[in-house]
């Protein structure tokens, strides 16, 4: 029996919000400044191919994260693909299963076997001890993810990578503007990859970048993103079209001008959520850790199913109130196709990843959400969780 959304709306009809509140609604920055840049691009008639806005965006990103090189790309996925090819990775690469599926796809796409590794249930990042145990003679690299902007244990991973002779790179898609032990995320490992997709902290509509202190690696990636060219008409290596265009870069520069404002707004939202959700039975706000500053882009809660209201039911209730919460990163890459068919050996071997995938919810935040809306969202969650068993009983009786 399919329920109408109003059957789940605990505040009745109409829902709590007339417009939907989404996770990751884009921040636009100063529209007037962006349109000025757009008109300048049109006047110059230089729309792509390493124009002045791409070069300026790269310079600013490199300065913020404290590295010598930023290589801008058309997407974070393309940036990771080119980085993997530039490092000449082969064989097997250790990655978390509890991450966005692009991390697995970019490896499998290049005929590299992803080896799914379990996470620490507290940090939600790769467990270094599990990484150590997963390394074999076929292991070529470790691809770690700063999940939700919380830094990985970069020191332990770097020690393991150096001692075992494997590459170390990071997916920093969630971590632009975050720090770890006094250093900006972006300068750890051999390279780090950022996403500047529309939903990210800084967006270029679609876009990404690789940051590194390796001069040769940066030069290789600049060539690879432009079909392997070195100079005007000299192709020196295999390449593809991974370039960022000028309009995307102009959007990125506009966003960077508002970075401090965005971070402060997110921190206010974070404080409001933590106050509003405090003491709700079965709800725990995921910690951001204590090793650095967070951009506070993601508000993540864990739902205890023993409380009487399952996580998925809470998501249904929130959506019925036009609060579009998400189950990140359900059900885990190892349980998605093609990986559950290609690599069935990971079934039952990642208990922490499976445990977290059944409990996590991300809530709306960013510029599109304010403190008053957060109070309402928190009150919906409090009501749902406080009366969880009653809600389940009523829904069972009506089905």
Protein backbone atom coordinates (compact mmCIF):
# COMPACT_ATOMS: atom_id res chain seq x y z
CA UNK A 1 0.00 0.00 0.00
CA UNK A 2 1.48 3.33 -1.05
CA UNK A 3 0.93 6.13 1.44
CA UNK A 4 0.13 9.69 0.51
CA UNK A 5 2.79 12.08 1.94
CA UNK A 6 0.15 13.70 4.17
CA UNK A 7 -0.27 10.38 5.98
CA UNK A 8 3.22 10.93 7.36
CA UNK A 9 3.03 14.67 8.04
CA UNK A 10 2.98 14.93 11.82
CA UNK A 11 2.10 18.64 11.74
CA UNK A 12 -0.88 17.98 9.51
CA UNK A 13 -1.63 19.49 6.11
CA UNK A 14 -0.22 21.69 4.67
CA UNK A 15 3.35 20.58 5.56
CA UNK A 16 5.63 22.56 7.85
CA UNK A 17 7.24 24.36 4.88
CA UNK A 18 5.51 25.54 1.71
CA UNK A 19 8.77 25.23 -0.27
CA UNK A 20 11.11 22.28 -0.09
CA UNK A 21 14.29 22.65 1.95
CA UNK A 22 17.08 20.67 0.28
CA UNK A 23 20.46 19.35 1.39
CA UNK A 24 23.12 21.23 -0.56
CA UNK A 25 21.06 23.98 -2.16
CA UNK A 26 23.61 26.09 -4.11
CA UNK A 27 25.11 29.29 -2.74
CA UNK A 28 25.26 31.96 -5.43
CA UNK A 29 27.51 34.68 -4.02
CA UNK A 30 27.23 38.26 -5.26
CA UNK A 31 25.13 37.98 -8.41
CA UNK A 32 26.06 41.45 -9.65
CA UNK A 33 29.78 40.67 -9.41
CA UNK A 34 29.29 37.39 -11.28
CA UNK A 35 27.34 39.10 -14.05
CA UNK A 36 30.11 41.71 -14.38
CA UNK A 37 32.60 38.90 -14.88
CA UNK A 38 30.27 37.12 -17.30
CA UNK A 39 29.97 40.24 -19.44
CA UNK A 40 33.75 40.64 -19.39
CA UNK A 41 34.14 37.05 -20.60
CA UNK A 42 31.70 37.66 -23.44
CA UNK A 43 33.47 40.89 -24.38
CA UNK A 44 36.85 39.13 -24.43
CA UNK A 45 35.44 36.16 -26.42
CA UNK A 46 37.80 33.87 -24.54
CA UNK A 47 35.44 31.23 -23.18
CA UNK A 48 37.75 28.33 -22.34
CA UNK A 49 41.32 27.02 -22.83
CA UNK A 50 43.13 28.36 -19.78
CA UNK A 51 41.77 31.92 -19.78
CA UNK A 52 42.39 34.63 -17.20
CA UNK A 53 39.52 33.58 -14.92
CA UNK A 54 40.64 29.96 -14.75
CA UNK A 55 44.18 31.07 -13.95
CA UNK A 56 42.93 33.49 -11.29
CA UNK A 57 40.68 30.84 -9.74
CA UNK A 58 43.58 28.39 -9.59
CA UNK A 59 45.82 31.01 -7.99
CA UNK A 60 43.26 31.84 -5.31
CA UNK A 61 42.48 28.20 -4.47
CA UNK A 62 46.19 27.35 -4.23
CA UNK A 63 46.68 30.31 -1.89
CA UNK A 64 43.79 29.34 0.36
CA UNK A 65 44.92 25.72 0.76
CA UNK A 66 48.61 26.60 0.92
CA UNK A 67 50.04 24.65 -2.01
CA UNK A 68 52.10 25.51 -5.07
CA UNK A 69 49.64 24.19 -7.64
CA UNK A 70 45.92 24.03 -8.28
CA UNK A 71 44.84 22.39 -11.55
CA UNK A 72 41.20 23.25 -12.27
CA UNK A 73 39.02 20.71 -14.06
CA UNK A 74 35.51 20.43 -15.49
CA UNK A 75 34.35 18.21 -12.58
CA UNK A 76 35.64 16.60 -9.42
CA UNK A 77 35.21 13.16 -10.98
CA UNK A 78 37.32 14.15 -13.99
CA UNK A 79 39.90 15.66 -11.64
CA UNK A 80 40.17 12.37 -9.77
CA UNK A 81 40.37 10.37 -13.00
CA UNK A 82 43.20 12.52 -14.32
CA UNK A 83 45.00 12.44 -10.96
CA UNK A 84 44.85 8.64 -10.93
CA UNK A 85 46.18 8.48 -14.49
CA UNK A 86 48.91 11.03 -13.74
CA UNK A 87 50.09 8.91 -10.79
CA UNK A 88 50.06 5.87 -13.12
CA UNK A 89 48.04 3.84 -10.63
CA UNK A 90 47.42 0.17 -11.41
CA UNK A 91 46.39 -2.99 -9.62
CA UNK A 92 44.38 -2.29 -6.48
CA UNK A 93 43.56 0.88 -4.56
CA UNK A 94 42.17 0.90 -1.02
CA UNK A 95 39.12 3.14 -0.54
CA UNK A 96 36.24 3.43 1.93
CA UNK A 97 32.93 1.93 0.90
CA UNK A 98 31.13 4.59 2.91
CA UNK A 99 31.61 7.40 0.38
CA UNK A 100 30.10 8.77 -2.81
CA UNK A 101 30.18 6.12 -5.51
CA UNK A 102 32.34 8.28 -7.83
CA UNK A 103 35.40 7.24 -5.82
CA UNK A 104 34.83 3.61 -6.78
CA UNK A 105 33.72 4.42 -10.33
CA UNK A 106 36.85 6.34 -11.29
CA UNK A 107 38.97 3.33 -10.34
CA UNK A 108 36.83 0.66 -11.99
CA UNK A 109 36.51 2.85 -15.10
CA UNK A 110 40.29 2.68 -15.47
CA UNK A 111 40.43 -1.07 -14.76
CA UNK A 112 41.80 -0.57 -11.25
CA UNK A 113 40.24 -2.77 -8.59
CA UNK A 114 38.74 -0.86 -5.66
CA UNK A 115 39.44 -2.62 -2.37
CA UNK A 116 36.74 -1.54 0.05
CA UNK A 117 37.99 -0.91 3.56
CA UNK A 118 36.04 -0.36 6.76
CA UNK A 119 35.80 2.93 8.63
CA UNK A 120 36.15 4.10 12.20
CA UNK A 121 32.53 4.48 13.39
CA UNK A 122 33.42 7.62 15.37
CA UNK A 123 35.30 9.57 12.69
CA UNK A 124 33.40 7.98 9.76
CA UNK A 125 36.75 7.97 7.89
CA UNK A 126 39.06 5.12 6.92
CA UNK A 127 40.36 3.15 9.89
CA UNK A 128 44.17 3.18 9.50
CA UNK A 129 44.49 -0.22 11.17
CA UNK A 130 42.04 -1.72 8.68
CA UNK A 131 43.98 -0.04 5.84
CA UNK A 132 47.19 -1.66 7.05
CA UNK A 133 45.50 -5.07 7.12
CA UNK A 134 44.11 -4.60 3.58
CA UNK A 135 47.47 -3.91 1.91
CA UNK A 136 48.83 -6.73 -0.27
CA UNK A 137 51.49 -7.01 -2.96
CA UNK A 138 48.86 -5.83 -5.45
CA UNK A 139 48.09 -2.60 -3.56
CA UNK A 140 49.21 0.51 -5.44
CA UNK A 141 47.57 3.33 -3.48
CA UNK A 142 45.33 4.49 -0.66
CA UNK A 143 42.50 6.88 -1.59
CA UNK A 144 41.14 8.36 1.64
CA UNK A 145 38.13 10.67 1.98
CA UNK A 146 37.73 13.60 4.40
CA UNK A 147 34.08 12.71 4.92
CA UNK A 148 31.78 15.66 5.65
CA UNK A 149 34.89 17.79 6.00
CA UNK A 150 36.25 15.88 9.00
CA UNK A 151 39.97 15.31 8.36
CA UNK A 152 41.32 11.81 7.97
CA UNK A 153 44.10 10.59 10.23
CA UNK A 154 46.58 11.93 7.68
CA UNK A 155 49.62 11.26 9.86
CA UNK A 156 48.97 7.55 10.35
CA UNK A 157 47.94 7.06 6.73
CA UNK A 158 51.10 8.84 5.53
CA UNK A 159 53.27 6.66 7.75
CA UNK A 160 51.60 3.49 6.47
CA UNK A 161 51.86 4.60 2.83
CA UNK A 162 55.54 5.44 3.11
CA UNK A 163 56.44 2.28 5.00
CA UNK A 164 54.50 0.02 2.64
CA UNK A 165 55.58 1.85 -0.51
CA UNK A 166 52.16 2.87 -1.84
CA UNK A 167 50.74 6.17 -3.10
CA UNK A 168 48.52 8.31 -0.86
CA UNK A 169 45.88 10.69 -2.18
CA UNK A 170 42.77 12.29 -0.70
CA UNK A 171 39.25 13.06 -1.86
CA UNK A 172 38.67 16.47 -0.24
CA UNK A 173 35.32 17.14 -1.95
CA UNK A 174 33.65 17.99 1.38
CA UNK A 175 36.58 19.77 2.95
CA UNK A 176 37.27 23.06 1.17
CA UNK A 177 37.93 25.65 3.87
CA UNK A 178 38.66 23.01 6.55
CA UNK A 179 41.91 22.62 8.48
CA UNK A 180 43.76 19.80 10.25
CA UNK A 181 46.38 20.39 12.92
CA UNK A 182 46.97 23.94 11.77
CA UNK A 183 47.14 23.13 8.04
CA UNK A 184 44.49 23.65 5.40
CA UNK A 185 43.04 20.54 3.81
CA UNK A 186 44.45 20.39 0.28
CA UNK A 187 48.14 19.88 0.96
CA UNK A 188 48.22 16.35 2.37
CA UNK A 189 49.42 13.24 0.57
CA UNK A 190 50.74 13.47 -2.97
CA UNK A 191 47.61 15.32 -4.03
CA UNK A 192 44.09 16.16 -2.97
CA UNK A 193 40.99 16.42 -5.14
CA UNK A 194 38.23 18.98 -4.62
CA UNK A 195 34.74 19.07 -6.07
CA UNK A 196 33.19 22.42 -7.00
CA UNK A 197 29.85 20.92 -7.96
CA UNK A 198 26.75 23.09 -7.46
CA UNK A 199 26.07 21.56 -4.03
CA UNK A 200 29.55 22.11 -2.61
CA UNK A 201 30.91 24.82 -0.32
CA UNK A 202 32.30 26.71 -3.32
CA UNK A 203 30.68 25.93 -6.65
CA UNK A 204 31.62 26.54 -10.25
CA UNK A 205 28.26 25.14 -11.44
CA UNK A 206 30.20 21.96 -12.29
CA UNK A 207 33.90 21.73 -11.59
CA UNK A 208 36.77 20.32 -9.60
CA UNK A 209 40.48 20.68 -9.03
CA UNK A 210 43.61 18.85 -7.96
CA UNK A 211 45.93 20.55 -5.48
CA UNK A 212 49.54 19.46 -5.02
CA UNK A 213 53.07 20.59 -4.19
CA UNK A 214 54.56 18.27 -6.83
CA UNK A 215 55.73 20.41 -9.77
CA UNK A 216 56.08 17.52 -12.22
CA UNK A 217 52.71 16.06 -11.28
CA UNK A 218 51.00 19.42 -11.80
CA UNK A 219 52.60 19.86 -15.21
CA UNK A 220 51.50 16.37 -16.23
CA UNK A 221 47.91 16.98 -15.16
CA UNK A 222 47.74 20.33 -16.97
CA UNK A 223 48.78 18.54 -20.13
CA UNK A 224 46.43 15.60 -19.59
CA UNK A 225 43.38 17.84 -19.08
CA UNK A 226 44.10 19.39 -22.50
CA UNK A 227 44.34 16.28 -24.69
CA UNK A 228 48.00 15.73 -23.81
CA UNK A 229 49.25 18.95 -25.39
CA UNK A 230 52.49 20.61 -24.29
CA UNK A 231 52.54 23.90 -26.12
CA UNK A 232 50.49 24.97 -29.13
CA UNK A 233 50.58 21.90 -31.36
CA UNK A 234 52.79 19.36 -29.59
CA UNK A 235 50.99 16.31 -28.13
CA UNK A 236 53.31 14.52 -25.70
CA UNK A 237 51.02 12.12 -23.80
CA UNK A 238 47.59 10.56 -23.60
CA UNK A 239 45.02 13.14 -22.56
CA UNK A 240 41.36 14.08 -22.53
CA UNK A 241 39.19 17.18 -22.34
CA UNK A 242 39.09 17.99 -18.64
CA UNK A 243 39.35 21.77 -18.81
CA UNK A 244 37.31 24.18 -16.70
CA UNK A 245 35.66 26.94 -18.73
CA UNK A 246 35.85 30.64 -18.00
CA UNK A 247 32.23 31.04 -16.88
CA UNK A 248 32.62 28.28 -14.30
CA UNK A 249 35.84 29.86 -13.04
CA UNK A 250 34.13 33.25 -12.75
CA UNK A 251 31.44 31.64 -10.60
CA UNK A 252 34.14 30.07 -8.46
CA UNK A 253 35.95 33.38 -7.93
CA UNK A 254 32.65 35.01 -6.99
CA UNK A 255 32.05 32.27 -4.44
CA UNK A 256 35.54 32.61 -2.98
CA UNK A 257 34.80 36.27 -2.25
CA UNK A 258 31.95 35.09 -0.01
CA UNK A 259 33.81 32.16 1.57
CA UNK A 260 34.17 33.69 5.04
CA UNK A 261 30.50 34.69 5.05
CA UNK A 262 29.42 31.20 3.96
CA UNK A 263 31.50 29.52 6.66
CA UNK A 264 30.16 31.82 9.37
CA UNK A 265 26.56 31.23 8.22
CA UNK A 266 27.15 27.48 8.31
CA UNK A 267 28.63 27.71 11.80
CA UNK A 268 25.58 29.58 13.01
CA UNK A 269 23.38 26.90 11.48
CA UNK A 270 25.53 24.23 13.12
CA UNK A 271 25.12 25.81 16.55
CA UNK A 272 21.38 26.19 16.05
CA UNK A 273 20.96 22.55 15.01
CA UNK A 274 23.04 21.27 17.92
CA UNK A 275 20.97 23.33 20.35
CA UNK A 276 17.68 22.29 18.75
CA UNK A 277 18.50 18.59 18.56
CA UNK A 278 20.02 18.31 22.02
CA UNK A 279 18.40 15.69 24.22
CA UNK A 280 16.17 14.16 21.54
CA UNK A 281 15.90 10.41 22.21
CA UNK A 282 17.61 8.33 19.53
CA UNK A 283 19.36 11.29 17.84
CA UNK A 284 23.09 12.00 17.91
CA UNK A 285 24.69 14.83 15.92
CA UNK A 286 27.89 13.49 14.34
CA UNK A 287 31.01 15.11 15.78
CA UNK A 288 33.25 17.27 13.62
CA UNK A 289 36.36 16.19 15.52
CA UNK A 290 38.84 18.36 17.35
CA UNK A 291 41.88 18.60 15.07
CA UNK A 292 40.93 21.72 13.15
CA UNK A 293 38.34 24.16 11.84
CA UNK A 294 35.35 22.86 9.89
CA UNK A 295 33.41 24.56 7.11
CA UNK A 296 30.27 23.15 8.80
CA UNK A 297 28.76 22.43 5.40
CA UNK A 298 27.05 19.20 6.44
CA UNK A 299 24.72 18.60 9.37
CA UNK A 300 24.76 14.85 9.95
CA UNK A 301 22.75 12.91 12.53
CA UNK A 302 22.73 9.28 13.56
CA UNK A 303 19.35 7.72 14.27
CA UNK A 304 19.19 4.91 16.80
CA UNK A 305 16.60 2.37 15.52
CA UNK A 306 16.20 1.00 19.05
CA UNK A 307 14.33 4.18 19.91
CA UNK A 308 11.27 2.92 18.05
CA UNK A 309 11.41 5.01 14.87
CA UNK A 310 13.64 3.65 12.09
CA UNK A 311 15.91 6.04 10.19
CA UNK A 312 14.07 5.58 6.91
CA UNK A 313 10.73 6.40 8.55
CA UNK A 314 12.19 9.62 9.94
CA UNK A 315 13.35 10.55 6.42
CA UNK A 316 9.84 9.89 5.11
CA UNK A 317 8.31 12.10 7.79
CA UNK A 318 10.77 14.91 7.12
CA UNK A 319 10.09 14.74 3.38
CA UNK A 320 6.34 14.88 4.05
CA UNK A 321 7.02 18.20 5.80
CA UNK A 322 9.04 19.40 2.75
CA UNK A 323 12.31 18.86 4.64
CA UNK A 324 14.31 16.93 2.04
CA UNK A 325 16.78 15.01 4.18
CA UNK A 326 19.15 12.43 2.65
CA UNK A 327 20.54 9.01 3.53
CA UNK A 328 24.27 9.60 2.87
CA UNK A 329 25.91 7.24 1.73
CA UNK A 330 23.38 4.45 1.62
CA UNK A 331 23.84 1.52 1.19
CA UNK A 332 27.64 1.75 0.74
CA UNK A 333 29.56 1.26 -2.50
CA UNK A 334 30.16 -2.45 -1.88
CA UNK A 335 26.38 -2.98 -1.89
CA UNK A 336 25.84 -1.08 -5.18
CA UNK A 337 26.19 -2.36 -8.71
CA UNK A 338 28.47 -3.28 -10.29
CA UNK A 339 30.49 -3.84 -7.10
CA UNK A 340 28.20 -6.24 -5.24
CA UNK A 341 28.33 -8.52 -8.29
CA UNK A 342 32.01 -8.02 -9.16
CA UNK A 343 33.33 -8.21 -5.61
CA UNK A 344 30.91 -10.24 -3.44
CA UNK A 345 33.74 -11.02 -1.01
CA UNK A 346 33.12 -7.71 0.78
CA UNK A 347 29.66 -8.80 1.90
CA UNK A 348 29.68 -8.94 5.70
CA UNK A 349 33.30 -7.72 5.92
CA UNK A 350 32.58 -4.03 6.55
CA UNK A 351 30.46 -4.00 9.74
CA UNK A 352 31.10 -0.37 10.68
CA UNK A 353 30.23 0.85 7.17
CA UNK A 354 27.04 -1.22 7.15
CA UNK A 355 26.12 -0.01 10.65
CA UNK A 356 26.55 3.65 9.75
CA UNK A 357 24.78 3.37 6.38
CA UNK A 358 21.63 2.25 8.21
CA UNK A 359 21.64 5.20 10.62
CA UNK A 360 22.89 8.40 8.98
CA UNK A 361 20.75 11.34 7.84
CA UNK A 362 21.97 14.69 6.48
CA UNK A 363 19.78 17.74 7.09
CA UNK A 364 19.25 20.94 5.07
CA UNK A 365 21.74 23.72 5.73
CA UNK A 366 23.64 26.43 3.88
CA UNK A 367 22.47 29.91 2.95
CA UNK A 368 19.01 28.64 2.01
CA UNK A 369 18.27 27.77 5.67
CA UNK A 370 18.03 30.17 8.62
CA UNK A 371 17.79 29.78 12.38
CA UNK A 372 13.98 29.97 12.48
CA UNK A 373 13.65 27.21 9.90
CA UNK A 374 16.17 25.10 11.80
CA UNK A 375 14.04 25.45 14.95
CA UNK A 376 11.06 24.07 13.04
CA UNK A 377 13.11 21.22 11.54
CA UNK A 378 14.40 20.34 15.01
CA UNK A 379 10.88 20.39 16.44
CA UNK A 380 9.66 18.01 13.70
CA UNK A 381 12.49 15.61 14.52
CA UNK A 382 11.84 15.91 18.27
CA UNK A 383 8.14 15.19 17.82
CA UNK A 384 8.79 12.27 15.47
CA UNK A 385 11.40 10.63 17.69
CA UNK A 386 9.55 11.24 20.95
CA UNK A 387 6.45 9.54 19.56
CA UNK A 388 8.29 7.07 17.33
CA UNK A 389 6.68 3.90 18.65
CA UNK A 390 3.18 5.41 18.44
CA UNK A 391 3.78 6.56 14.85
CA UNK A 392 4.94 3.09 13.83
CA UNK A 393 1.94 1.46 15.50
CA UNK A 394 -0.50 3.83 13.76
CA UNK A 395 1.10 3.30 10.36
CA UNK A 396 1.08 -0.48 10.84
CA UNK A 397 -2.59 -0.40 11.75
CA UNK A 398 -3.50 1.65 8.68
CA UNK A 399 -1.56 -0.47 6.16
